[in-house]
Amino acid sequence: MVHSHVSFRVAKAKLAAAFLLAVAGFGGIQPVAAEEAGSKGAEIYCFMRQAGNPHGVSWDAAYARIKRQSSGLFKTSPEHAAVLITETVVTNKDKYSSCAKFLGALYSGREEVGVDSIPSSNANTSKTSDTSRYNY
């Protein structure tokens, strides 16, 4: 009798684990969904930047779209979303040829990327890293 009770518990645990893996999508966005999410995010980010919008609002819109695309239990991290957008732009050079100049802002958070600037004497020279763009 004890043996059947243990077997039932093991079977129940395996079923629960299988269910969690199925719901979680193995922990994140599936490859096809990731490609689609990256494509949608790149379309939004690049369109908004080319229309003259600053990085912050363009990023917020693109990241919101990517998060809605994700089918897994866990949200897509901002870092992963930036990689998805970058991969889409790089692999579709013809479609996004004028967007490449904006990609650096996804990682630096600066509006102007590729321009060396000397901070003014009254500039805030805080040594903290800028991760606020990735708050979610």
N, C-alpha and C. Protein backbone atom coordinates (compact mmCIF):
# COMPACT_ATOMS: atom_id res chain seq x y z
N MET A 1 0.81 -1.18 0.00
CA MET A 1 0.00 0.00 0.00
C MET A 1 0.86 1.26 0.00
N VAL A 2 1.97 1.24 0.73
CA VAL A 2 2.86 2.39 0.79
C VAL A 2 3.48 2.64 -0.58
N HIS A 3 3.81 1.53 -1.29
CA HIS A 3 4.42 1.65 -2.60
C HIS A 3 3.50 2.39 -3.58
N SER A 4 2.23 2.11 -3.60
CA SER A 4 1.30 2.77 -4.51
C SER A 4 1.15 4.25 -4.17
N HIS A 5 1.23 4.58 -2.88
CA HIS A 5 1.13 5.98 -2.45
C HIS A 5 2.35 6.77 -2.94
N VAL A 6 3.55 6.16 -2.87
CA VAL A 6 4.78 6.79 -3.33
C VAL A 6 4.73 6.95 -4.85
N SER A 7 4.27 5.93 -5.57
CA SER A 7 4.17 6.00 -7.02
C SER A 7 3.22 7.11 -7.45
N PHE A 8 2.14 7.27 -6.73
CA PHE A 8 1.17 8.31 -7.03
C PHE A 8 1.81 9.69 -6.85
N ARG A 9 2.59 9.86 -5.77
CA ARG A 9 3.24 11.14 -5.51
C ARG A 9 4.28 11.46 -6.59
N VAL A 10 5.02 10.44 -7.02
CA VAL A 10 6.02 10.64 -8.07
C VAL A 10 5.32 11.03 -9.38
N ALA A 11 4.26 10.33 -9.72
CA ALA A 11 3.52 10.62 -10.95
C ALA A 11 2.94 12.03 -10.89
N LYS A 12 2.43 12.40 -9.75
CA LYS A 12 1.85 13.74 -9.56
C LYS A 12 2.93 14.81 -9.72
N ALA A 13 4.11 14.58 -9.17
CA ALA A 13 5.22 15.53 -9.29
C ALA A 13 5.68 15.66 -10.74
N LYS A 14 5.75 14.54 -11.47
CA LYS A 14 6.15 14.59 -12.87
C LYS A 14 5.13 15.35 -13.70
N LEU A 15 3.85 15.13 -13.43
CA LEU A 15 2.79 15.83 -14.14
C LEU A 15 2.85 17.33 -13.87
N ALA A 16 3.09 17.70 -12.63
CA ALA A 16 3.20 19.11 -12.27
C ALA A 16 4.39 19.75 -12.98
N ALA A 17 5.51 19.05 -13.02
CA ALA A 17 6.70 19.58 -13.69
C ALA A 17 6.46 19.75 -15.18
N ALA A 18 5.81 18.77 -15.80
CA ALA A 18 5.51 18.85 -17.23
C ALA A 18 4.58 20.03 -17.51
N PHE A 19 3.60 20.23 -16.65
CA PHE A 19 2.66 21.34 -16.81
C PHE A 19 3.40 22.69 -16.71
N LEU A 20 4.26 22.82 -15.71
CA LEU A 20 5.00 24.08 -15.54
C LEU A 20 5.91 24.37 -16.72
N LEU A 21 6.56 23.34 -17.25
CA LEU A 21 7.42 23.54 -18.42
C LEU A 21 6.60 23.95 -19.63
N ALA A 22 5.44 23.36 -19.80
CA ALA A 22 4.58 23.72 -20.93
C ALA A 22 4.08 25.15 -20.80
N VAL A 23 3.65 25.53 -19.61
CA VAL A 23 3.14 26.89 -19.39
C VAL A 23 4.26 27.91 -19.54
N ALA A 24 5.41 27.61 -19.03
CA ALA A 24 6.54 28.54 -19.06
C ALA A 24 7.19 28.62 -20.44
N GLY A 25 6.86 27.72 -21.32
CA GLY A 25 7.51 27.72 -22.61
C GLY A 25 9.00 27.51 -22.47
N PHE A 26 9.38 26.69 -21.48
CA PHE A 26 10.76 26.41 -21.15
C PHE A 26 11.50 27.68 -20.73
N GLY A 27 10.77 28.64 -20.15
CA GLY A 27 11.41 29.77 -19.50
C GLY A 27 11.48 31.06 -20.28
N GLY A 28 10.97 31.12 -21.48
CA GLY A 28 11.07 32.39 -22.19
C GLY A 28 10.35 32.35 -23.51
N ILE A 29 10.73 33.25 -24.39
CA ILE A 29 10.10 33.33 -25.69
C ILE A 29 10.61 32.19 -26.56
N GLN A 30 9.71 31.55 -27.27
CA GLN A 30 10.10 30.51 -28.20
C GLN A 30 10.78 31.15 -29.41
N PRO A 31 11.64 30.42 -30.14
CA PRO A 31 12.40 31.02 -31.24
C PRO A 31 11.55 31.74 -32.29
N VAL A 32 10.45 31.16 -32.73
CA VAL A 32 9.60 31.81 -33.73
C VAL A 32 8.97 33.07 -33.14
N ALA A 33 8.48 32.97 -31.92
CA ALA A 33 7.88 34.14 -31.27
C ALA A 33 8.93 35.22 -31.03
N ALA A 34 10.15 34.82 -30.71
CA ALA A 34 11.22 35.80 -30.49
C ALA A 34 11.53 36.54 -31.77
N GLU A 35 11.57 35.83 -32.88
CA GLU A 35 11.83 36.47 -34.17
C GLU A 35 10.73 37.47 -34.51
N GLU A 36 9.49 37.08 -34.29
CA GLU A 36 8.37 37.97 -34.55
C GLU A 36 8.38 39.17 -33.61
N ALA A 37 8.66 38.92 -32.34
CA ALA A 37 8.72 40.01 -31.36
C ALA A 37 9.84 40.98 -31.72
N GLY A 38 10.99 40.47 -32.11
CA GLY A 38 12.10 41.32 -32.52
C GLY A 38 11.76 42.14 -33.74
N SER A 39 11.06 41.53 -34.68
CA SER A 39 10.66 42.23 -35.90
C SER A 39 9.69 43.36 -35.59
N LYS A 40 8.71 43.08 -34.77
CA LYS A 40 7.73 44.12 -34.39
C LYS A 40 8.41 45.23 -33.59
N GLY A 41 9.28 44.85 -32.67
CA GLY A 41 10.00 45.84 -31.88
C GLY A 41 10.88 46.72 -32.75
N ALA A 42 11.57 46.11 -33.71
CA ALA A 42 12.44 46.87 -34.61
C ALA A 42 11.62 47.82 -35.48
N GLU A 43 10.48 47.35 -35.97
CA GLU A 43 9.63 48.22 -36.79
C GLU A 43 9.21 49.46 -36.00
N ILE A 44 8.77 49.25 -34.78
CA ILE A 44 8.32 50.37 -33.96
C ILE A 44 9.49 51.29 -33.61
N TYR A 45 10.58 50.72 -33.11
CA TYR A 45 11.72 51.53 -32.68
C TYR A 45 12.28 52.33 -33.86
N CYS A 46 12.51 51.69 -34.99
CA CYS A 46 13.11 52.36 -36.13
C CYS A 46 12.18 53.41 -36.73
N PHE A 47 10.90 53.10 -36.83
CA PHE A 47 9.95 54.07 -37.37
C PHE A 47 9.90 55.32 -36.50
N MET A 48 9.83 55.12 -35.20
CA MET A 48 9.74 56.26 -34.30
C MET A 48 11.02 57.09 -34.31
N ARG A 49 12.18 56.43 -34.34
CA ARG A 49 13.45 57.18 -34.36
C ARG A 49 13.59 57.95 -35.67
N GLN A 50 13.22 57.33 -36.78
CA GLN A 50 13.33 58.01 -38.07
C GLN A 50 12.34 59.17 -38.17
N ALA A 51 11.26 59.09 -37.41
CA ALA A 51 10.28 60.17 -37.40
C ALA A 51 10.70 61.31 -36.47
N GLY A 52 11.85 61.15 -35.81
CA GLY A 52 12.37 62.22 -34.98
C GLY A 52 12.11 62.08 -33.49
N ASN A 53 11.54 60.98 -33.08
CA ASN A 53 11.30 60.76 -31.66
C ASN A 53 12.61 60.42 -30.95
N PRO A 54 12.74 60.81 -29.69
CA PRO A 54 13.96 60.48 -28.94
C PRO A 54 14.00 59.00 -28.59
N HIS A 55 15.18 58.57 -28.18
CA HIS A 55 15.39 57.17 -27.83
C HIS A 55 14.40 56.69 -26.77
N GLY A 56 14.21 57.45 -25.71
CA GLY A 56 13.40 57.00 -24.57
C GLY A 56 12.00 56.58 -24.94
N VAL A 57 11.28 57.42 -25.65
CA VAL A 57 9.90 57.07 -26.00
C VAL A 57 9.85 55.98 -27.05
N SER A 58 10.82 55.98 -27.96
CA SER A 58 10.87 54.93 -28.99
C SER A 58 11.15 53.58 -28.35
N TRP A 59 12.08 53.56 -27.39
CA TRP A 59 12.41 52.33 -26.67
C TRP A 59 11.21 51.84 -25.87
N ASP A 60 10.55 52.74 -25.16
CA ASP A 60 9.40 52.35 -24.34
C ASP A 60 8.32 51.69 -25.19
N ALA A 61 8.04 52.26 -26.35
CA ALA A 61 7.01 51.70 -27.24
C ALA A 61 7.43 50.34 -27.78
N ALA A 62 8.68 50.23 -28.23
CA ALA A 62 9.16 48.96 -28.79
C ALA A 62 9.20 47.88 -27.72
N TYR A 63 9.69 48.22 -26.54
CA TYR A 63 9.79 47.23 -25.46
C TYR A 63 8.40 46.78 -25.00
N ALA A 64 7.46 47.70 -24.94
CA ALA A 64 6.09 47.33 -24.56
C ALA A 64 5.53 46.31 -25.55
N ARG A 65 5.80 46.50 -26.83
CA ARG A 65 5.31 45.57 -27.86
C ARG A 65 5.98 44.21 -27.72
N ILE A 66 7.28 44.21 -27.47
CA ILE A 66 8.01 42.94 -27.32
C ILE A 66 7.51 42.19 -26.09
N LYS A 67 7.28 42.89 -24.99
CA LYS A 67 6.78 42.22 -23.78
C LYS A 67 5.41 41.60 -24.03
N ARG A 68 4.56 42.27 -24.79
CA ARG A 68 3.23 41.71 -25.09
C ARG A 68 3.32 40.48 -25.97
N GLN A 69 4.35 40.40 -26.82
CA GLN A 69 4.54 39.25 -27.70
C GLN A 69 4.96 38.01 -26.94
N SER A 70 5.65 38.18 -25.82
CA SER A 70 6.25 37.03 -25.16
C SER A 70 5.18 36.09 -24.63
N SER A 71 5.41 34.80 -24.87
CA SER A 71 4.42 33.80 -24.50
C SER A 71 4.83 32.99 -23.28
N GLY A 72 6.01 33.22 -22.77
CA GLY A 72 6.50 32.43 -21.65
C GLY A 72 6.01 32.96 -20.32
N LEU A 73 6.36 32.24 -19.29
CA LEU A 73 5.99 32.61 -17.93
C LEU A 73 6.75 33.84 -17.48
N PHE A 74 7.98 34.00 -17.97
CA PHE A 74 8.82 35.11 -17.57
C PHE A 74 8.79 36.21 -18.62
N LYS A 75 8.90 37.47 -18.17
CA LYS A 75 8.96 38.60 -19.09
C LYS A 75 10.30 38.59 -19.82
N THR A 76 10.29 39.16 -21.01
CA THR A 76 11.53 39.34 -21.75
C THR A 76 12.28 40.48 -21.09
N SER A 77 13.54 40.25 -20.80
CA SER A 77 14.33 41.31 -20.16
C SER A 77 14.60 42.43 -21.16
N PRO A 78 14.81 43.62 -20.66
CA PRO A 78 15.14 44.72 -21.56
C PRO A 78 16.41 44.45 -22.37
N GLU A 79 17.39 43.81 -21.75
CA GLU A 79 18.62 43.50 -22.45
C GLU A 79 18.35 42.55 -23.62
N HIS A 80 17.52 41.55 -23.39
CA HIS A 80 17.18 40.60 -24.45
C HIS A 80 16.36 41.28 -25.54
N ALA A 81 15.46 42.18 -25.15
CA ALA A 81 14.67 42.91 -26.14
C ALA A 81 15.57 43.75 -27.04
N ALA A 82 16.59 44.39 -26.46
CA ALA A 82 17.53 45.18 -27.25
C ALA A 82 18.28 44.29 -28.24
N VAL A 83 18.64 43.09 -27.80
CA VAL A 83 19.32 42.14 -28.69
C VAL A 83 18.38 41.71 -29.81
N LEU A 84 17.11 41.46 -29.51
CA LEU A 84 16.14 41.07 -30.54
C LEU A 84 16.01 42.15 -31.61
N ILE A 85 15.93 43.41 -31.17
CA ILE A 85 15.83 44.51 -32.13
C ILE A 85 17.10 44.59 -32.97
N THR A 86 18.25 44.50 -32.33
CA THR A 86 19.52 44.58 -33.04
C THR A 86 19.65 43.46 -34.06
N GLU A 87 19.33 42.24 -33.66
CA GLU A 87 19.41 41.10 -34.59
C GLU A 87 18.50 41.30 -35.79
N THR A 88 17.31 41.83 -35.56
CA THR A 88 16.37 42.06 -36.66
C THR A 88 16.92 43.09 -37.63
N VAL A 89 17.45 44.19 -37.11
CA VAL A 89 18.00 45.24 -37.96
C VAL A 89 19.20 44.74 -38.75
N VAL A 90 20.08 44.00 -38.09
CA VAL A 90 21.30 43.51 -38.75
C VAL A 90 20.97 42.46 -39.81
N THR A 91 20.02 41.58 -39.54
CA THR A 91 19.70 40.52 -40.52
C THR A 91 18.80 41.02 -41.64
N ASN A 92 18.20 42.19 -41.48
CA ASN A 92 17.34 42.77 -42.52
C ASN A 92 17.90 44.15 -42.91
N LYS A 93 19.15 44.16 -43.35
CA LYS A 93 19.85 45.41 -43.64
C LYS A 93 19.11 46.29 -44.65
N ASP A 94 18.53 45.68 -45.65
CA ASP A 94 17.85 46.47 -46.69
C ASP A 94 16.62 47.18 -46.12
N LYS A 95 15.86 46.47 -45.34
CA LYS A 95 14.63 47.05 -44.78
C LYS A 95 14.92 48.13 -43.74
N TYR A 96 15.96 47.93 -42.95
CA TYR A 96 16.27 48.83 -41.84
C TYR A 96 17.59 49.57 -42.05
N SER A 97 17.95 49.86 -43.29
CA SER A 97 19.26 50.46 -43.57
C SER A 97 19.47 51.80 -42.86
N SER A 98 18.44 52.58 -42.69
CA SER A 98 18.61 53.89 -42.04
C SER A 98 18.45 53.81 -40.53
N CYS A 99 18.26 52.63 -39.99
CA CYS A 99 18.05 52.47 -38.56
C CYS A 99 19.32 52.08 -37.81
N ALA A 100 20.31 51.60 -38.53
CA ALA A 100 21.53 51.10 -37.88
C ALA A 100 22.18 52.17 -37.00
N LYS A 101 22.08 53.43 -37.41
CA LYS A 101 22.72 54.49 -36.63
C LYS A 101 22.09 54.69 -35.26
N PHE A 102 20.90 54.15 -35.04
CA PHE A 102 20.23 54.30 -33.75
C PHE A 102 20.48 53.14 -32.79
N LEU A 103 21.08 52.06 -33.27
CA LEU A 103 21.23 50.86 -32.44
C LEU A 103 22.09 51.06 -31.21
N GLY A 104 23.09 51.89 -31.30
CA GLY A 104 23.95 52.13 -30.15
C GLY A 104 23.20 52.68 -28.95
N ALA A 105 22.15 53.44 -29.21
CA ALA A 105 21.36 54.01 -28.11
C ALA A 105 20.65 52.93 -27.31
N LEU A 106 20.42 51.78 -27.92
CA LEU A 106 19.79 50.68 -27.18
C LEU A 106 20.67 50.19 -26.05
N TYR A 107 21.97 50.36 -26.20
CA TYR A 107 22.91 49.86 -25.21
C TYR A 107 23.52 50.96 -24.35
N SER A 108 23.62 52.17 -24.90
CA SER A 108 24.22 53.26 -24.14
C SER A 108 23.19 54.14 -23.47
N GLY A 109 21.98 54.19 -24.05
CA GLY A 109 20.95 55.07 -23.52
C GLY A 109 21.13 56.52 -23.94
N ARG A 110 22.19 56.81 -24.67
CA ARG A 110 22.44 58.18 -25.13
C ARG A 110 21.69 58.44 -26.42
N GLU A 111 21.22 59.66 -26.59
CA GLU A 111 20.52 60.05 -27.81
C GLU A 111 21.46 60.05 -29.01
N GLU A 112 22.63 60.66 -28.84
CA GLU A 112 23.60 60.75 -29.91
C GLU A 112 24.65 59.68 -29.69
N VAL A 113 24.75 58.76 -30.58
CA VAL A 113 25.70 57.67 -30.44
C VAL A 113 26.77 57.84 -31.51
N GLY A 114 27.99 57.52 -31.14
CA GLY A 114 29.08 57.62 -32.09
C GLY A 114 29.72 58.99 -32.13
N VAL A 115 29.29 59.88 -31.26
CA VAL A 115 29.86 61.22 -31.21
C VAL A 115 30.64 61.33 -29.90
N ASP A 116 31.92 61.61 -30.01
CA ASP A 116 32.72 61.81 -28.81
C ASP A 116 32.42 63.20 -28.28
N SER A 117 32.10 63.27 -27.02
CA SER A 117 31.82 64.57 -26.44
C SER A 117 32.63 64.73 -25.17
N ILE A 118 32.99 65.95 -24.90
CA ILE A 118 33.71 66.27 -23.67
C ILE A 118 32.70 66.86 -22.71
N PRO A 119 32.51 66.24 -21.55
CA PRO A 119 31.51 66.76 -20.62
C PRO A 119 31.90 68.16 -20.15
N SER A 120 30.89 69.02 -20.02
CA SER A 120 31.15 70.36 -19.53
C SER A 120 31.48 70.31 -18.05
N SER A 121 32.04 71.41 -17.55
CA SER A 121 32.49 71.43 -16.16
C SER A 121 31.33 71.31 -15.18
N ASN A 122 30.12 71.71 -15.60
CA ASN A 122 28.97 71.60 -14.69
C ASN A 122 28.15 70.34 -14.93
N ALA A 123 28.65 69.45 -15.77
CA ALA A 123 27.92 68.22 -16.05
C ALA A 123 27.98 67.28 -14.85
N ASN A 124 26.95 66.50 -14.71
CA ASN A 124 26.90 65.51 -13.63
C ASN A 124 27.81 64.35 -14.04
N THR A 125 28.87 64.14 -13.32
CA THR A 125 29.82 63.08 -13.65
C THR A 125 29.70 61.93 -12.68
N SER A 126 28.50 61.55 -12.39
CA SER A 126 28.24 60.45 -11.47
C SER A 126 28.83 59.16 -12.01
N LYS A 127 29.36 58.34 -11.14
CA LYS A 127 29.97 57.08 -11.55
C LYS A 127 28.96 55.93 -11.59
N THR A 128 27.69 56.22 -11.38
CA THR A 128 26.69 55.15 -11.41
C THR A 128 26.39 54.77 -12.84
N SER A 129 26.04 53.52 -13.05
CA SER A 129 25.71 53.08 -14.40
C SER A 129 24.27 53.44 -14.72
N ASP A 130 24.02 53.68 -16.00
CA ASP A 130 22.68 54.06 -16.44
C ASP A 130 21.90 52.81 -16.81
N THR A 131 21.20 52.25 -15.86
CA THR A 131 20.36 51.08 -16.13
C THR A 131 18.89 51.46 -16.01
N SER A 132 18.60 52.74 -15.79
CA SER A 132 17.21 53.14 -15.61
C SER A 132 16.38 52.90 -16.86
N ARG A 133 17.03 52.90 -18.05
CA ARG A 133 16.28 52.67 -19.27
C ARG A 133 15.74 51.26 -19.35
N TYR A 134 16.26 50.38 -18.48
CA TYR A 134 15.81 49.01 -18.49
C TYR A 134 14.86 48.68 -17.34
N ASN A 135 14.35 49.68 -16.66
CA ASN A 135 13.38 49.40 -15.58
C ASN A 135 12.10 48.85 -16.19
N TYR A 136 11.53 47.86 -15.55
CA TYR A 136 10.26 47.32 -16.01
C TYR A 136 9.43 46.84 -14.91
